[in-house]
Amino acid sequence: MLWEITDTDIDKMTANFMSNWIPSSSEKLWSEVDMDSWSSGTLKFTKNGGKDKMEMESEMLRAVAKSKNSCSHYMTAAAIVVRGLPIKIIV
């Protein structure tokens, strides 16, 4: 991070990033998580969960860029920086 950010906002971004980048065989999708209850420490799923399968992103940098949309504050999303070698998951 380029500066201090709130932990709840970055937790949402990190969970979104990991679910987009790392393949999972889970029956539930990240898009079905009730974000209000998750922010308060309870994992609940929405009744009318999305039936669309989440499209996996194999390139880490693109997955991070897409996950920035889950931040509720622009300044949190702007603080996120990725340094190092580009990484790609091949499935």
PDB file of N, CA and C in Angstrom:
ATOM      1  N   MET A   1       0.840  -1.177   0.000  1.00  0.00           N
ATOM      2  CA  MET A   1       0.000   0.000   0.000  1.00  0.00           C
ATOM      3  C   MET A   1       0.888   1.244   0.000  1.00  0.00           C
ATOM      4  N   LEU A   2       0.444   2.244  -0.682  1.00  0.00           N
ATOM      5  CA  LEU A   2       1.203   3.489  -0.716  1.00  0.00           C
ATOM      6  C   LEU A   2       0.985   4.329   0.537  1.00  0.00           C
ATOM      7  N   TRP A   3      -0.131   4.106   1.231  1.00  0.00           N
ATOM      8  CA  TRP A   3      -0.432   4.801   2.488  1.00  0.00           C
ATOM      9  C   TRP A   3      -1.348   3.931   3.327  1.00  0.00           C
ATOM     10  N   GLU A   4      -1.626   4.370   4.555  1.00  0.00           N
ATOM     11  CA  GLU A   4      -2.504   3.619   5.447  1.00  0.00           C
ATOM     12  C   GLU A   4      -3.913   3.549   4.893  1.00  0.00           C
ATOM     13  N   ILE A   5      -4.522   2.377   5.031  1.00  0.00           N
ATOM     14  CA  ILE A   5      -5.886   2.180   4.539  1.00  0.00           C
ATOM     15  C   ILE A   5      -6.701   1.439   5.592  1.00  0.00           C
ATOM     16  N   THR A   6      -8.027   1.419   5.419  1.00  0.00           N
ATOM     17  CA  THR A   6      -8.896   0.729   6.375  1.00  0.00           C
ATOM     18  C   THR A   6      -8.818  -0.779   6.148  1.00  0.00           C
ATOM     19  N   ASP A   7      -8.860  -1.541   7.227  1.00  0.00           N
ATOM     20  CA  ASP A   7      -8.705  -2.989   7.087  1.00  0.00           C
ATOM     21  C   ASP A   7      -9.933  -3.664   6.492  1.00  0.00           C
ATOM     22  N   THR A   8     -11.137  -3.201   6.786  1.00  0.00           N
ATOM     23  CA  THR A   8     -12.340  -3.829   6.238  1.00  0.00           C
ATOM     24  C   THR A   8     -12.381  -3.714   4.723  1.00  0.00           C
ATOM     25  N   ASP A   9     -12.053  -2.546   4.214  1.00  0.00           N
ATOM     26  CA  ASP A   9     -12.082  -2.328   2.769  1.00  0.00           C
ATOM     27  C   ASP A   9     -11.043  -3.202   2.061  1.00  0.00           C
ATOM     28  N   ILE A  10      -9.851  -3.291   2.618  1.00  0.00           N
ATOM     29  CA  ILE A  10      -8.819  -4.094   1.967  1.00  0.00           C
ATOM     30  C   ILE A  10      -9.088  -5.581   2.135  1.00  0.00           C
ATOM     31  N   ASP A  11      -9.781  -5.972   3.207  1.00  0.00           N
ATOM     32  CA  ASP A  11     -10.189  -7.374   3.359  1.00  0.00           C
ATOM     33  C   ASP A  11     -11.131  -7.775   2.230  1.00  0.00           C
ATOM     34  N   LYS A  12     -12.077  -6.913   1.901  1.00  0.00           N
ATOM     35  CA  LYS A  12     -13.004  -7.184   0.794  1.00  0.00           C
ATOM     36  C   LYS A  12     -12.240  -7.316  -0.516  1.00  0.00           C
ATOM     37  N   MET A  13     -11.305  -6.390  -0.734  1.00  0.00           N
ATOM     38  CA  MET A  13     -10.533  -6.408  -1.970  1.00  0.00           C
ATOM     39  C   MET A  13      -9.689  -7.676  -2.062  1.00  0.00           C
ATOM     40  N   THR A  14      -9.039  -8.070  -0.970  1.00  0.00           N
ATOM     41  CA  THR A  14      -8.179  -9.255  -0.973  1.00  0.00           C
ATOM     42  C   THR A  14      -8.990 -10.520  -1.214  1.00  0.00           C
ATOM     43  N   ALA A  15     -10.134 -10.642  -0.560  1.00  0.00           N
ATOM     44  CA  ALA A  15     -10.985 -11.816  -0.758  1.00  0.00           C
ATOM     45  C   ALA A  15     -11.474 -11.885  -2.204  1.00  0.00           C
ATOM     46  N   ASN A  16     -11.844 -10.743  -2.759  1.00  0.00           N
ATOM     47  CA  ASN A  16     -12.285 -10.696  -4.153  1.00  0.00           C
ATOM     48  C   ASN A  16     -11.137 -11.083  -5.081  1.00  0.00           C
ATOM     49  N   PHE A  17      -9.951 -10.562  -4.823  1.00  0.00           N
ATOM     50  CA  PHE A  17      -8.769 -10.872  -5.625  1.00  0.00           C
ATOM     51  C   PHE A  17      -8.472 -12.376  -5.612  1.00  0.00           C
ATOM     52  N   MET A  18      -8.436 -12.965  -4.415  1.00  0.00           N
ATOM     53  CA  MET A  18      -8.110 -14.383  -4.287  1.00  0.00           C
ATOM     54  C   MET A  18      -9.152 -15.263  -4.978  1.00  0.00           C
ATOM     55  N   SER A  19     -10.428 -14.893  -4.865  1.00  0.00           N
ATOM     56  CA  SER A  19     -11.468 -15.707  -5.494  1.00  0.00           C
ATOM     57  C   SER A  19     -11.463 -15.558  -7.014  1.00  0.00           C
ATOM     58  N   ASN A  20     -10.957 -14.452  -7.532  1.00  0.00           N
ATOM     59  CA  ASN A  20     -10.854 -14.271  -8.983  1.00  0.00           C
ATOM     60  C   ASN A  20      -9.612 -14.927  -9.564  1.00  0.00           C
ATOM     61  N   TRP A  21      -8.543 -15.005  -8.775  1.00  0.00           N
ATOM     62  CA  TRP A  21      -7.248 -15.446  -9.310  1.00  0.00           C
ATOM     63  C   TRP A  21      -6.981 -16.925  -9.091  1.00  0.00           C
ATOM     64  N   ILE A  22      -7.369 -17.465  -7.938  1.00  0.00           N
ATOM     65  CA  ILE A  22      -7.066 -18.856  -7.613  1.00  0.00           C
ATOM     66  C   ILE A  22      -8.295 -19.731  -7.893  1.00  0.00           C
ATOM     67  N   PRO A  23      -8.154 -20.747  -8.744  1.00  0.00           N
ATOM     68  CA  PRO A  23      -9.286 -21.614  -9.067  1.00  0.00           C
ATOM     69  C   PRO A  23      -9.827 -22.327  -7.823  1.00  0.00           C
ATOM     70  N   SER A  24     -11.136 -22.515  -7.763  1.00  0.00           N
ATOM     71  CA  SER A  24     -11.772 -23.168  -6.623  1.00  0.00           C
ATOM     72  C   SER A  24     -12.865 -24.116  -7.109  1.00  0.00           C
ATOM     73  N   SER A  25     -13.036 -25.198  -6.376  1.00  0.00           N
ATOM     74  CA  SER A  25     -14.110 -26.141  -6.702  1.00  0.00           C
ATOM     75  C   SER A  25     -15.306 -25.952  -5.772  1.00  0.00           C
ATOM     76  N   SER A  26     -15.337 -24.846  -5.049  1.00  0.00           N
ATOM     77  CA  SER A  26     -16.407 -24.566  -4.102  1.00  0.00           C
ATOM     78  C   SER A  26     -17.752 -24.448  -4.810  1.00  0.00           C
ATOM     79  N   GLU A  27     -18.809 -24.906  -4.142  1.00  0.00           N
ATOM     80  CA  GLU A  27     -20.152 -24.812  -4.711  1.00  0.00           C
ATOM     81  C   GLU A  27     -20.687 -23.386  -4.642  1.00  0.00           C
ATOM     82  N   LYS A  28     -20.233 -22.616  -3.647  1.00  0.00           N
ATOM     83  CA  LYS A  28     -20.678 -21.235  -3.472  1.00  0.00           C
ATOM     84  C   LYS A  28     -19.690 -20.293  -4.132  1.00  0.00           C
ATOM     85  N   LEU A  29     -20.213 -19.230  -4.713  1.00  0.00           N
ATOM     86  CA  LEU A  29     -19.381 -18.237  -5.371  1.00  0.00           C
ATOM     87  C   LEU A  29     -19.183 -17.024  -4.462  1.00  0.00           C
ATOM     88  N   TRP A  30     -18.099 -16.302  -4.676  1.00  0.00           N
ATOM     89  CA  TRP A  30     -17.844 -15.082  -3.920  1.00  0.00           C
ATOM     90  C   TRP A  30     -18.970 -14.072  -4.116  1.00  0.00           C
ATOM     91  N   SER A  31     -19.564 -14.050  -5.291  1.00  0.00           N
ATOM     92  CA  SER A  31     -20.647 -13.104  -5.576  1.00  0.00           C
ATOM     93  C   SER A  31     -21.898 -13.389  -4.747  1.00  0.00           C
ATOM     94  N   GLU A  32     -21.993 -14.569  -4.127  1.00  0.00           N
ATOM     95  CA  GLU A  32     -23.148 -14.934  -3.311  1.00  0.00           C
ATOM     96  C   GLU A  32     -22.979 -14.574  -1.836  1.00  0.00           C
ATOM     97  N   VAL A  33     -21.822 -14.059  -1.437  1.00  0.00           N
ATOM     98  CA  VAL A  33     -21.574 -13.706  -0.032  1.00  0.00           C
ATOM     99  C   VAL A  33     -22.292 -12.401   0.302  1.00  0.00           C
ATOM    100  N   ASP A  34     -22.997 -12.399   1.451  1.00  0.00           N
ATOM    101  CA  ASP A  34     -23.652 -11.186   1.939  1.00  0.00           C
ATOM    102  C   ASP A  34     -22.573 -10.288   2.540  1.00  0.00           C
ATOM    103  N   MET A  35     -22.227  -9.217   1.843  1.00  0.00           N
ATOM    104  CA  MET A  35     -21.103  -8.377   2.230  1.00  0.00           C
ATOM    105  C   MET A  35     -21.304  -7.675   3.573  1.00  0.00           C
ATOM    106  N   ASP A  36     -22.535  -7.319   3.925  1.00  0.00           N
ATOM    107  CA  ASP A  36     -22.783  -6.649   5.204  1.00  0.00           C
ATOM    108  C   ASP A  36     -22.475  -7.571   6.377  1.00  0.00           C
ATOM    109  N   SER A  37     -22.955  -8.814   6.316  1.00  0.00           N
ATOM    110  CA  SER A  37     -22.685  -9.750   7.404  1.00  0.00           C
ATOM    111  C   SER A  37     -21.219 -10.179   7.407  1.00  0.00           C
ATOM    112  N   TRP A  38     -20.597 -10.291   6.238  1.00  0.00           N
ATOM    113  CA  TRP A  38     -19.193 -10.666   6.150  1.00  0.00           C
ATOM    114  C   TRP A  38     -18.313  -9.603   6.786  1.00  0.00           C
ATOM    115  N   SER A  39     -18.647  -8.326   6.586  1.00  0.00           N
ATOM    116  CA  SER A  39     -17.877  -7.224   7.167  1.00  0.00           C
ATOM    117  C   SER A  39     -17.937  -7.239   8.689  1.00  0.00           C
ATOM    118  N   SER A  40     -19.027  -7.792   9.242  1.00  0.00           N
ATOM    119  CA  SER A  40     -19.149  -7.852  10.696  1.00  0.00           C
ATOM    120  C   SER A  40     -18.657  -9.192  11.254  1.00  0.00           C
ATOM    121  N   GLY A  41     -18.059 -10.034  10.420  1.00  0.00           N
ATOM    122  CA  GLY A  41     -17.439 -11.262  10.889  1.00  0.00           C
ATOM    123  C   GLY A  41     -18.268 -12.527  10.749  1.00  0.00           C
ATOM    124  N   THR A  42     -19.391 -12.472  10.037  1.00  0.00           N
ATOM    125  CA  THR A  42     -20.249 -13.639   9.852  1.00  0.00           C
ATOM    126  C   THR A  42     -20.325 -13.980   8.368  1.00  0.00           C
ATOM    127  N   LEU A  43     -20.092 -15.237   8.060  1.00  0.00           N
ATOM    128  CA  LEU A  43     -20.165 -15.661   6.666  1.00  0.00           C
ATOM    129  C   LEU A  43     -21.563 -16.173   6.374  1.00  0.00           C
ATOM    130  N   LYS A  44     -22.310 -15.388   5.600  1.00  0.00           N
ATOM    131  CA  LYS A  44     -23.657 -15.779   5.163  1.00  0.00           C
ATOM    132  C   LYS A  44     -23.731 -15.590   3.660  1.00  0.00           C
ATOM    133  N   PHE A  45     -24.590 -16.372   3.053  1.00  0.00           N
ATOM    134  CA  PHE A  45     -24.779 -16.270   1.610  1.00  0.00           C
ATOM    135  C   PHE A  45     -26.163 -15.722   1.320  1.00  0.00           C
ATOM    136  N   THR A  46     -26.286 -14.992   0.229  1.00  0.00           N
ATOM    137  CA  THR A  46     -27.580 -14.437  -0.153  1.00  0.00           C
ATOM    138  C   THR A  46     -28.476 -15.563  -0.630  1.00  0.00           C
ATOM    139  N   LYS A  47     -29.768 -15.396  -0.432  1.00  0.00           N
ATOM    140  CA  LYS A  47     -30.744 -16.423  -0.820  1.00  0.00           C
ATOM    141  C   LYS A  47     -30.773 -16.602  -2.337  1.00  0.00           C
ATOM    142  N   ASN A  48     -30.721 -15.480  -3.051  1.00  0.00           N
ATOM    143  CA  ASN A  48     -30.788 -15.535  -4.514  1.00  0.00           C
ATOM    144  C   ASN A  48     -29.394 -15.334  -5.096  1.00  0.00           C
ATOM    145  N   GLY A  49     -28.475 -16.215  -4.730  1.00  0.00           N
ATOM    146  CA  GLY A  49     -27.087 -16.118  -5.181  1.00  0.00           C
ATOM    147  C   GLY A  49     -26.973 -16.127  -6.687  1.00  0.00           C
ATOM    148  N   GLY A  50     -25.941 -15.462  -7.192  1.00  0.00           N
ATOM    149  CA  GLY A  50     -25.728 -15.406  -8.630  1.00  0.00           C
ATOM    150  C   GLY A  50     -25.434 -16.771  -9.197  1.00  0.00           C
ATOM    151  N   LYS A  51     -26.075 -17.119 -10.255  1.00  0.00           N
ATOM    152  CA  LYS A  51     -25.882 -18.421 -10.886  1.00  0.00           C
ATOM    153  C   LYS A  51     -24.754 -18.375 -11.913  1.00  0.00           C
ATOM    154  N   ASP A  52     -24.300 -17.156 -12.246  1.00  0.00           N
ATOM    155  CA  ASP A  52     -23.226 -17.028 -13.223  1.00  0.00           C
ATOM    156  C   ASP A  52     -21.905 -17.458 -12.587  1.00  0.00           C
ATOM    157  N   LYS A  53     -21.178 -18.299 -13.284  1.00  0.00           N
ATOM    158  CA  LYS A  53     -19.878 -18.742 -12.800  1.00  0.00           C
ATOM    159  C   LYS A  53     -18.898 -17.587 -12.945  1.00  0.00           C
ATOM    160  N   MET A  54     -18.142 -17.334 -11.886  1.00  0.00           N
ATOM    161  CA  MET A  54     -17.188 -16.238 -11.897  1.00  0.00           C
ATOM    162  C   MET A  54     -16.058 -16.567 -12.871  1.00  0.00           C
ATOM    163  N   GLU A  55     -15.734 -15.640 -13.726  1.00  0.00           N
ATOM    164  CA  GLU A  55     -14.671 -15.845 -14.692  1.00  0.00           C
ATOM    165  C   GLU A  55     -13.327 -15.683 -13.998  1.00  0.00           C
ATOM    166  N   MET A  56     -12.512 -16.715 -14.064  1.00  0.00           N
ATOM    167  CA  MET A  56     -11.208 -16.687 -13.413  1.00  0.00           C
ATOM    168  C   MET A  56     -10.238 -15.873 -14.255  1.00  0.00           C
ATOM    169  N   GLU A  57      -9.375 -15.151 -13.587  1.00  0.00           N
ATOM    170  CA  GLU A  57      -8.338 -14.357 -14.248  1.00  0.00           C
ATOM    171  C   GLU A  57      -7.002 -15.012 -13.950  1.00  0.00           C
ATOM    172  N   SER A  58      -6.284 -15.468 -14.968  1.00  0.00           N
ATOM    173  CA  SER A  58      -5.033 -16.190 -14.747  1.00  0.00           C
ATOM    174  C   SER A  58      -3.865 -15.258 -14.441  1.00  0.00           C
ATOM    175  N   GLU A  59      -3.930 -14.015 -14.874  1.00  0.00           N
ATOM    176  CA  GLU A  59      -2.838 -13.072 -14.636  1.00  0.00           C
ATOM    177  C   GLU A  59      -3.081 -12.286 -13.350  1.00  0.00           C
ATOM    178  N   MET A  60      -2.093 -12.311 -12.458  1.00  0.00           N
ATOM    179  CA  MET A  60      -2.238 -11.683 -11.158  1.00  0.00           C
ATOM    180  C   MET A  60      -2.513 -10.177 -11.263  1.00  0.00           C
ATOM    181  N   LEU A  61      -1.815  -9.475 -12.113  1.00  0.00           N
ATOM    182  CA  LEU A  61      -1.995  -8.025 -12.214  1.00  0.00           C
ATOM    183  C   LEU A  61      -3.406  -7.656 -12.659  1.00  0.00           C
ATOM    184  N   ARG A  62      -3.964  -8.406 -13.583  1.00  0.00           N
ATOM    185  CA  ARG A  62      -5.337  -8.141 -14.029  1.00  0.00           C
ATOM    186  C   ARG A  62      -6.338  -8.481 -12.936  1.00  0.00           C
ATOM    187  N   ALA A  63      -6.075  -9.550 -12.187  1.00  0.00           N
ATOM    188  CA  ALA A  63      -6.960  -9.922 -11.084  1.00  0.00           C
ATOM    189  C   ALA A  63      -6.962  -8.844 -10.003  1.00  0.00           C
ATOM    190  N   VAL A  64      -5.814  -8.273  -9.710  1.00  0.00           N
ATOM    191  CA  VAL A  64      -5.731  -7.179  -8.730  1.00  0.00           C
ATOM    192  C   VAL A  64      -6.490  -5.967  -9.252  1.00  0.00           C
ATOM    193  N   ALA A  65      -6.293  -5.634 -10.514  1.00  0.00           N
ATOM    194  CA  ALA A  65      -6.982  -4.479 -11.098  1.00  0.00           C
ATOM    195  C   ALA A  65      -8.496  -4.647 -11.040  1.00  0.00           C
ATOM    196  N   LYS A  66      -8.990  -5.850 -11.348  1.00  0.00           N
ATOM    197  CA  LYS A  66     -10.436  -6.099 -11.302  1.00  0.00           C
ATOM    198  C   LYS A  66     -10.971  -6.054  -9.882  1.00  0.00           C
ATOM    199  N   SER A  67     -10.174  -6.501  -8.919  1.00  0.00           N
ATOM    200  CA  SER A  67     -10.633  -6.539  -7.527  1.00  0.00           C
ATOM    201  C   SER A  67     -10.677  -5.154  -6.886  1.00  0.00           C
ATOM    202  N   LYS A  68     -10.027  -4.181  -7.471  1.00  0.00           N
ATOM    203  CA  LYS A  68     -10.079  -2.815  -6.941  1.00  0.00           C
ATOM    204  C   LYS A  68     -11.502  -2.262  -6.956  1.00  0.00           C
ATOM    205  N   ASN A  69     -12.355  -2.792  -7.829  1.00  0.00           N
ATOM    206  CA  ASN A  69     -13.747  -2.329  -7.901  1.00  0.00           C
ATOM    207  C   ASN A  69     -14.534  -2.666  -6.643  1.00  0.00           C
ATOM    208  N   SER A  70     -14.067  -3.631  -5.853  1.00  0.00           N
ATOM    209  CA  SER A  70     -14.781  -4.015  -4.635  1.00  0.00           C
ATOM    210  C   SER A  70     -14.530  -3.048  -3.476  1.00  0.00           C
ATOM    211  N   CYS A  71     -13.556  -2.167  -3.613  1.00  0.00           N
ATOM    212  CA  CYS A  71     -13.268  -1.181  -2.559  1.00  0.00           C
ATOM    213  C   CYS A  71     -14.372  -0.128  -2.538  1.00  0.00           C
ATOM    214  N   SER A  72     -14.789   0.249  -1.329  1.00  0.00           N
ATOM    215  CA  SER A  72     -15.847   1.262  -1.224  1.00  0.00           C
ATOM    216  C   SER A  72     -15.285   2.681  -1.227  1.00  0.00           C
ATOM    217  N   HIS A  73     -13.975   2.815  -1.049  1.00  0.00           N
ATOM    218  CA  HIS A  73     -13.344   4.134  -1.070  1.00  0.00           C
ATOM    219  C   HIS A  73     -12.316   4.196  -2.195  1.00  0.00           C
ATOM    220  N   TYR A  74     -12.367   5.235  -2.983  1.00  0.00           N
ATOM    221  CA  TYR A  74     -11.428   5.388  -4.089  1.00  0.00           C
ATOM    222  C   TYR A  74      -9.989   5.428  -3.592  1.00  0.00           C
ATOM    223  N   MET A  75      -9.762   6.082  -2.449  1.00  0.00           N
ATOM    224  CA  MET A  75      -8.404   6.219  -1.927  1.00  0.00           C
ATOM    225  C   MET A  75      -7.804   4.868  -1.532  1.00  0.00           C
ATOM    226  N   THR A  76      -8.635   3.926  -1.124  1.00  0.00           N
ATOM    227  CA  THR A  76      -8.137   2.583  -0.812  1.00  0.00           C
ATOM    228  C   THR A  76      -7.697   1.885  -2.086  1.00  0.00           C
ATOM    229  N   ALA A  77      -8.527   1.941  -3.110  1.00  0.00           N
ATOM    230  CA  ALA A  77      -8.189   1.309  -4.386  1.00  0.00           C
ATOM    231  C   ALA A  77      -6.943   1.949  -4.997  1.00  0.00           C
ATOM    232  N   ALA A  78      -6.785   3.250  -4.839  1.00  0.00           N
ATOM    233  CA  ALA A  78      -5.632   3.944  -5.403  1.00  0.00           C
ATOM    234  C   ALA A  78      -4.341   3.595  -4.674  1.00  0.00           C
ATOM    235  N   ALA A  79      -4.435   3.168  -3.418  1.00  0.00           N
ATOM    236  CA  ALA A  79      -3.250   2.856  -2.625  1.00  0.00           C
ATOM    237  C   ALA A  79      -2.635   1.504  -2.976  1.00  0.00           C
ATOM    238  N   ILE A  80      -3.391   0.657  -3.651  1.00  0.00           N
ATOM    239  CA  ILE A  80      -2.934  -0.709  -3.939  1.00  0.00           C
ATOM    240  C   ILE A  80      -1.909  -0.692  -5.067  1.00  0.00           C
ATOM    241  N   VAL A  81      -0.736  -1.278  -4.790  1.00  0.00           N
ATOM    242  CA  VAL A  81       0.347  -1.341  -5.766  1.00  0.00           C
ATOM    243  C   VAL A  81       0.888  -2.761  -5.791  1.00  0.00           C
ATOM    244  N   VAL A  82       1.212  -3.267  -6.978  1.00  0.00           N
ATOM    245  CA  VAL A  82       1.819  -4.585  -7.113  1.00  0.00           C
ATOM    246  C   VAL A  82       3.220  -4.394  -7.671  1.00  0.00           C
ATOM    247  N   ARG A  83       4.198  -4.968  -6.977  1.00  0.00           N
ATOM    248  CA  ARG A  83       5.598  -4.880  -7.425  1.00  0.00           C
ATOM    249  C   ARG A  83       6.137  -6.287  -7.591  1.00  0.00           C
ATOM    250  N   GLY A  84       7.043  -6.429  -8.527  1.00  0.00           N
ATOM    251  CA  GLY A  84       7.682  -7.728  -8.714  1.00  0.00           C
ATOM    252  C   GLY A  84       7.420  -8.290 -10.100  1.00  0.00           C
ATOM    253  N   LEU A  85       7.677  -9.561 -10.228  1.00  0.00           N
ATOM    254  CA  LEU A  85       7.513 -10.230 -11.510  1.00  0.00           C
ATOM    255  C   LEU A  85       6.048 -10.528 -11.782  1.00  0.00           C
ATOM    256  N   PRO A  86       5.610 -10.406 -13.027  1.00  0.00           N
ATOM    257  CA  PRO A  86       4.233 -10.787 -13.363  1.00  0.00           C
ATOM    258  C   PRO A  86       4.054 -12.298 -13.183  1.00  0.00           C
ATOM    259  N   ILE A  87       2.947 -12.688 -12.602  1.00  0.00           N
ATOM    260  CA  ILE A  87       2.678 -14.102 -12.320  1.00  0.00           C
ATOM    261  C   ILE A  87       1.401 -14.503 -13.027  1.00  0.00           C
ATOM    262  N   LYS A  88       1.415 -15.710 -13.603  1.00  0.00           N
ATOM    263  CA  LYS A  88       0.249 -16.234 -14.299  1.00  0.00           C
ATOM    264  C   LYS A  88       0.010 -17.670 -13.852  1.00  0.00           C
ATOM    265  N   ILE A  89      -1.229 -17.981 -13.490  1.00  0.00           N
ATOM    266  CA  ILE A  89      -1.594 -19.345 -13.119  1.00  0.00           C
ATOM    267  C   ILE A  89      -2.035 -20.077 -14.376  1.00  0.00           C
ATOM    268  N   ILE A  90      -1.437 -21.225 -14.622  1.00  0.00           N
ATOM    269  CA  ILE A  90      -1.829 -22.037 -15.771  1.00  0.00           C
ATOM    270  C   ILE A  90      -2.545 -23.270 -15.221  1.00  0.00           C
ATOM    271  N   VAL A  91      -3.796 -23.412 -15.629  1.00  0.00           N
ATOM    272  CA  VAL A  91      -4.612 -24.513 -15.121  1.00  0.00           C
ATOM    273  C   VAL A  91      -4.733 -25.607 -16.151  1.00  0.00           C
TER     274      VAL A  91
END
